[in-house]
């Protein structure tokens, strides 16, 4: 499908938005190449972005667990549970951390 050009495509964006887009593109490319080590590294960079949200934590924890780094994935969920302000996110992150820790037993 062809995209219709919109004048808003030319809107100026800041350096953090550009970096966020670059990281998203790199993540997509690494996923397509099935390079989970690279995906994990890229998501680590994405986590220090001010715009990092629940989805970035979730994706990185999933990749860490997929790489066999279950304790690191649990620690990441625990970090989110300690930093989040939303009660639902806190509850989800804490439960995910408990589930991962239980799988280590």
N, C-alpha and C. Protein backbone atom coordinates (compact mmCIF):
# COMPACT_ATOMS: atom_id res chain seq x y z
N UNK A 1 0.84 -1.20 0.00
CA UNK A 1 0.00 0.00 0.00
C UNK A 1 0.87 1.24 0.00
N UNK A 2 0.44 2.21 -0.75
CA UNK A 2 1.19 3.46 -0.81
C UNK A 2 0.67 4.41 0.26
N UNK A 3 1.62 5.03 0.94
CA UNK A 3 1.27 6.00 1.97
C UNK A 3 1.01 7.34 1.31
N UNK A 4 0.05 8.04 1.84
CA UNK A 4 -0.25 9.39 1.37
C UNK A 4 0.64 10.35 2.14
N UNK A 5 1.30 11.23 1.43
CA UNK A 5 2.18 12.20 2.08
C UNK A 5 1.35 13.17 2.90
N UNK A 6 1.78 13.38 4.11
CA UNK A 6 1.15 14.34 5.01
C UNK A 6 2.19 15.38 5.40
N UNK A 7 1.82 16.66 5.43
CA UNK A 7 2.77 17.69 5.85
C UNK A 7 3.37 17.42 7.23
N UNK A 8 2.62 16.71 8.09
CA UNK A 8 3.13 16.42 9.43
C UNK A 8 4.35 15.51 9.40
N UNK A 9 4.58 14.83 8.26
CA UNK A 9 5.77 14.00 8.13
C UNK A 9 7.04 14.83 8.25
N UNK A 10 6.94 16.12 8.01
CA UNK A 10 8.10 17.01 8.04
C UNK A 10 8.26 17.73 9.37
N UNK A 11 7.38 17.43 10.34
CA UNK A 11 7.49 18.07 11.64
C UNK A 11 8.85 17.77 12.26
N UNK A 12 9.41 18.76 12.90
CA UNK A 12 10.70 18.60 13.56
C UNK A 12 10.50 17.76 14.82
N UNK A 13 11.37 16.80 15.02
CA UNK A 13 11.33 15.99 16.24
C UNK A 13 12.67 16.13 16.94
N UNK A 14 12.65 15.88 18.23
CA UNK A 14 13.86 16.02 19.02
C UNK A 14 14.77 14.81 18.94
N UNK A 15 15.96 14.96 19.50
CA UNK A 15 16.95 13.87 19.42
C UNK A 15 16.51 12.60 20.15
N UNK A 16 15.76 12.72 21.25
CA UNK A 16 15.32 11.52 21.95
C UNK A 16 14.30 10.74 21.14
N UNK A 17 13.43 11.45 20.42
CA UNK A 17 12.46 10.77 19.57
C UNK A 17 13.18 10.07 18.41
N UNK A 18 14.17 10.73 17.85
CA UNK A 18 14.95 10.12 16.77
C UNK A 18 15.65 8.86 17.29
N UNK A 19 16.28 8.96 18.47
CA UNK A 19 16.96 7.80 19.05
C UNK A 19 15.96 6.67 19.32
N UNK A 20 14.79 7.02 19.83
CA UNK A 20 13.77 6.00 20.08
C UNK A 20 13.37 5.28 18.80
N UNK A 21 13.22 6.02 17.72
CA UNK A 21 12.88 5.40 16.44
C UNK A 21 14.02 4.51 15.94
N UNK A 22 15.24 4.98 16.12
CA UNK A 22 16.40 4.17 15.70
C UNK A 22 16.45 2.86 16.47
N UNK A 23 16.24 2.93 17.79
CA UNK A 23 16.26 1.72 18.61
C UNK A 23 15.14 0.76 18.20
N UNK A 24 13.96 1.31 17.91
CA UNK A 24 12.85 0.46 17.47
C UNK A 24 13.19 -0.24 16.16
N UNK A 25 13.81 0.48 15.24
CA UNK A 25 14.21 -0.13 13.97
C UNK A 25 15.28 -1.19 14.17
N UNK A 26 16.25 -0.90 15.04
CA UNK A 26 17.30 -1.88 15.33
C UNK A 26 16.73 -3.13 16.00
N UNK A 27 15.80 -2.92 16.93
CA UNK A 27 15.16 -4.06 17.60
C UNK A 27 14.44 -4.94 16.58
N UNK A 28 13.70 -4.31 15.69
CA UNK A 28 12.97 -5.06 14.66
C UNK A 28 13.94 -5.86 13.78
N UNK A 29 15.04 -5.22 13.37
CA UNK A 29 16.01 -5.90 12.51
C UNK A 29 16.66 -7.07 13.24
N UNK A 30 17.00 -6.88 14.52
CA UNK A 30 17.62 -7.96 15.29
C UNK A 30 16.64 -9.11 15.50
N UNK A 31 15.36 -8.79 15.71
CA UNK A 31 14.36 -9.85 15.84
C UNK A 31 14.22 -10.63 14.55
N UNK A 32 14.23 -9.92 13.43
CA UNK A 32 14.11 -10.60 12.13
C UNK A 32 15.31 -11.51 11.88
N UNK A 33 16.47 -11.12 12.41
CA UNK A 33 17.68 -11.94 12.27
C UNK A 33 17.77 -13.01 13.36
N UNK A 34 16.78 -13.02 14.26
CA UNK A 34 16.75 -13.96 15.38
C UNK A 34 18.01 -13.85 16.24
N UNK A 35 18.50 -12.62 16.41
CA UNK A 35 19.69 -12.35 17.21
C UNK A 35 19.25 -11.84 18.58
N UNK A 36 18.92 -12.77 19.49
CA UNK A 36 18.39 -12.38 20.78
C UNK A 36 19.39 -11.62 21.64
N UNK A 37 20.67 -11.93 21.50
CA UNK A 37 21.69 -11.17 22.25
C UNK A 37 21.66 -9.70 21.85
N UNK A 38 21.52 -9.44 20.55
CA UNK A 38 21.45 -8.06 20.07
C UNK A 38 20.15 -7.40 20.53
N UNK A 39 19.04 -8.13 20.47
CA UNK A 39 17.76 -7.58 20.92
C UNK A 39 17.87 -7.18 22.39
N UNK A 40 18.47 -8.04 23.20
CA UNK A 40 18.61 -7.75 24.63
C UNK A 40 19.45 -6.50 24.85
N UNK A 41 20.52 -6.35 24.09
CA UNK A 41 21.38 -5.17 24.21
C UNK A 41 20.62 -3.91 23.81
N UNK A 42 19.89 -3.98 22.73
CA UNK A 42 19.11 -2.83 22.25
C UNK A 42 18.05 -2.45 23.28
N UNK A 43 17.36 -3.43 23.83
CA UNK A 43 16.33 -3.14 24.83
C UNK A 43 16.94 -2.58 26.11
N UNK A 44 18.18 -2.98 26.41
CA UNK A 44 18.88 -2.37 27.54
C UNK A 44 19.09 -0.88 27.33
N UNK A 45 19.43 -0.51 26.11
CA UNK A 45 19.55 0.91 25.77
C UNK A 45 18.20 1.60 25.85
N UNK A 46 17.17 0.93 25.35
CA UNK A 46 15.83 1.53 25.35
C UNK A 46 15.33 1.79 26.77
N UNK A 47 15.77 0.97 27.73
CA UNK A 47 15.31 1.15 29.11
C UNK A 47 15.81 2.43 29.75
N UNK A 48 16.90 3.00 29.26
CA UNK A 48 17.39 4.24 29.85
C UNK A 48 16.76 5.47 29.19
N UNK A 49 15.93 5.24 28.20
CA UNK A 49 15.23 6.35 27.55
C UNK A 49 14.12 6.85 28.48
N UNK A 50 13.90 8.16 28.55
CA UNK A 50 12.80 8.67 29.38
C UNK A 50 11.45 8.10 28.97
N UNK A 51 11.32 7.70 27.73
CA UNK A 51 10.04 7.19 27.23
C UNK A 51 9.86 5.69 27.47
N UNK A 52 10.82 5.05 28.14
CA UNK A 52 10.72 3.60 28.38
C UNK A 52 9.44 3.30 29.16
N UNK A 53 8.68 2.35 28.66
CA UNK A 53 7.42 2.01 29.29
C UNK A 53 7.38 0.53 29.65
N UNK A 54 6.23 0.10 30.13
CA UNK A 54 6.03 -1.29 30.54
C UNK A 54 6.41 -2.26 29.44
N UNK A 55 6.09 -1.91 28.20
CA UNK A 55 6.37 -2.80 27.07
C UNK A 55 7.85 -3.08 26.89
N UNK A 56 8.69 -2.10 27.14
CA UNK A 56 10.14 -2.30 27.00
C UNK A 56 10.62 -3.29 28.07
N UNK A 57 10.15 -3.10 29.31
CA UNK A 57 10.51 -4.03 30.38
C UNK A 57 10.04 -5.45 30.03
N UNK A 58 8.79 -5.56 29.57
CA UNK A 58 8.22 -6.86 29.26
C UNK A 58 9.01 -7.57 28.16
N UNK A 59 9.32 -6.81 27.10
CA UNK A 59 10.07 -7.42 25.99
C UNK A 59 11.47 -7.84 26.43
N UNK A 60 12.13 -7.00 27.22
CA UNK A 60 13.49 -7.36 27.65
C UNK A 60 13.46 -8.56 28.59
N UNK A 61 12.50 -8.59 29.52
CA UNK A 61 12.41 -9.73 30.43
C UNK A 61 12.15 -11.02 29.65
N UNK A 62 11.30 -10.94 28.64
CA UNK A 62 11.02 -12.13 27.82
C UNK A 62 12.28 -12.60 27.09
N UNK A 63 13.04 -11.66 26.55
CA UNK A 63 14.28 -12.02 25.85
C UNK A 63 15.30 -12.59 26.83
N UNK A 64 15.44 -11.96 27.99
CA UNK A 64 16.39 -12.48 28.99
C UNK A 64 16.04 -13.92 29.37
N UNK A 65 14.76 -14.17 29.62
CA UNK A 65 14.33 -15.52 29.97
C UNK A 65 14.60 -16.48 28.81
N UNK A 66 14.36 -16.02 27.60
CA UNK A 66 14.62 -16.84 26.42
C UNK A 66 16.09 -17.17 26.23
N UNK A 67 16.94 -16.31 26.73
CA UNK A 67 18.39 -16.55 26.68
C UNK A 67 18.87 -17.41 27.85
N UNK A 68 17.93 -17.83 28.70
CA UNK A 68 18.30 -18.63 29.87
C UNK A 68 18.72 -17.80 31.06
N UNK A 69 18.57 -16.50 30.97
CA UNK A 69 18.96 -15.60 32.06
C UNK A 69 17.73 -15.26 32.90
N UNK A 70 17.14 -16.31 33.47
CA UNK A 70 15.88 -16.19 34.19
C UNK A 70 16.02 -15.29 35.42
N UNK A 71 17.11 -15.43 36.15
CA UNK A 71 17.31 -14.59 37.34
C UNK A 71 17.41 -13.12 36.95
N UNK A 72 18.05 -12.82 35.83
CA UNK A 72 18.13 -11.44 35.35
C UNK A 72 16.75 -10.93 34.95
N UNK A 73 15.95 -11.79 34.32
CA UNK A 73 14.59 -11.40 33.94
C UNK A 73 13.77 -11.10 35.18
N UNK A 74 13.88 -11.94 36.20
CA UNK A 74 13.15 -11.71 37.45
C UNK A 74 13.59 -10.40 38.10
N UNK A 75 14.89 -10.15 38.10
CA UNK A 75 15.40 -8.90 38.68
C UNK A 75 14.87 -7.69 37.93
N UNK A 76 14.73 -7.80 36.63
CA UNK A 76 14.19 -6.70 35.85
C UNK A 76 12.74 -6.43 36.23
N UNK A 77 11.93 -7.51 36.37
CA UNK A 77 10.55 -7.33 36.81
C UNK A 77 10.50 -6.71 38.20
N UNK A 78 11.40 -7.14 39.10
CA UNK A 78 11.44 -6.57 40.45
C UNK A 78 11.80 -5.09 40.40
N UNK A 79 12.70 -4.73 39.52
CA UNK A 79 13.07 -3.32 39.35
C UNK A 79 11.85 -2.52 38.92
N UNK A 80 11.10 -3.04 37.95
CA UNK A 80 9.90 -2.34 37.49
C UNK A 80 8.89 -2.22 38.62
N UNK A 81 8.70 -3.28 39.39
CA UNK A 81 7.75 -3.24 40.51
C UNK A 81 8.15 -2.17 41.52
N UNK A 82 9.44 -1.96 41.69
CA UNK A 82 9.92 -0.95 42.63
C UNK A 82 9.85 0.47 42.10
N UNK A 83 9.87 0.63 40.77
CA UNK A 83 9.89 1.96 40.17
C UNK A 83 8.53 2.44 39.67
N UNK A 84 7.63 1.51 39.38
CA UNK A 84 6.34 1.87 38.77
C UNK A 84 5.46 2.62 39.75
N UNK A 85 4.55 3.40 39.20
CA UNK A 85 3.60 4.15 40.02
C UNK A 85 2.18 3.60 39.87
N UNK A 86 1.96 2.83 38.83
CA UNK A 86 0.64 2.27 38.55
C UNK A 86 0.48 0.94 39.30
N UNK A 87 -0.58 0.83 40.10
CA UNK A 87 -0.77 -0.37 40.92
C UNK A 87 -0.88 -1.64 40.09
N UNK A 88 -1.53 -1.57 38.93
CA UNK A 88 -1.67 -2.75 38.08
C UNK A 88 -0.31 -3.19 37.54
N UNK A 89 0.52 -2.23 37.15
CA UNK A 89 1.86 -2.55 36.65
C UNK A 89 2.70 -3.15 37.77
N UNK A 90 2.60 -2.57 38.96
CA UNK A 90 3.35 -3.09 40.11
C UNK A 90 2.95 -4.53 40.39
N UNK A 91 1.65 -4.79 40.42
CA UNK A 91 1.16 -6.14 40.70
C UNK A 91 1.61 -7.13 39.63
N UNK A 92 1.50 -6.73 38.36
CA UNK A 92 1.90 -7.61 37.26
C UNK A 92 3.39 -7.90 37.33
N UNK A 93 4.19 -6.87 37.54
CA UNK A 93 5.64 -7.04 37.58
C UNK A 93 6.06 -7.91 38.75
N UNK A 94 5.46 -7.68 39.92
CA UNK A 94 5.80 -8.48 41.09
C UNK A 94 5.44 -9.95 40.88
N UNK A 95 4.26 -10.20 40.27
CA UNK A 95 3.86 -11.58 40.01
C UNK A 95 4.77 -12.24 38.99
N UNK A 96 5.14 -11.50 37.95
CA UNK A 96 6.04 -12.05 36.93
C UNK A 96 7.39 -12.41 37.55
N UNK A 97 7.87 -11.55 38.45
CA UNK A 97 9.15 -11.83 39.13
C UNK A 97 9.03 -13.09 39.99
N UNK A 98 7.93 -13.20 40.74
CA UNK A 98 7.73 -14.40 41.58
C UNK A 98 7.66 -15.67 40.73
N UNK A 99 6.93 -15.59 39.62
CA UNK A 99 6.80 -16.75 38.74
C UNK A 99 8.16 -17.19 38.20
N UNK A 100 8.97 -16.21 37.78
CA UNK A 100 10.29 -16.56 37.25
C UNK A 100 11.18 -17.13 38.34
N UNK A 101 11.14 -16.53 39.52
CA UNK A 101 11.97 -17.04 40.63
C UNK A 101 11.54 -18.47 40.99
N UNK A 102 10.23 -18.72 40.96
CA UNK A 102 9.73 -20.07 41.28
C UNK A 102 10.22 -21.08 40.25
N UNK A 103 10.36 -20.64 39.01
CA UNK A 103 10.82 -21.57 37.97
C UNK A 103 12.28 -21.96 38.15
N UNK A 104 13.00 -21.21 38.97
CA UNK A 104 14.41 -21.51 39.23
C UNK A 104 14.57 -22.62 40.26
N UNK A 105 13.51 -22.92 41.00
CA UNK A 105 13.58 -23.95 42.06
C UNK A 105 13.46 -25.33 41.50
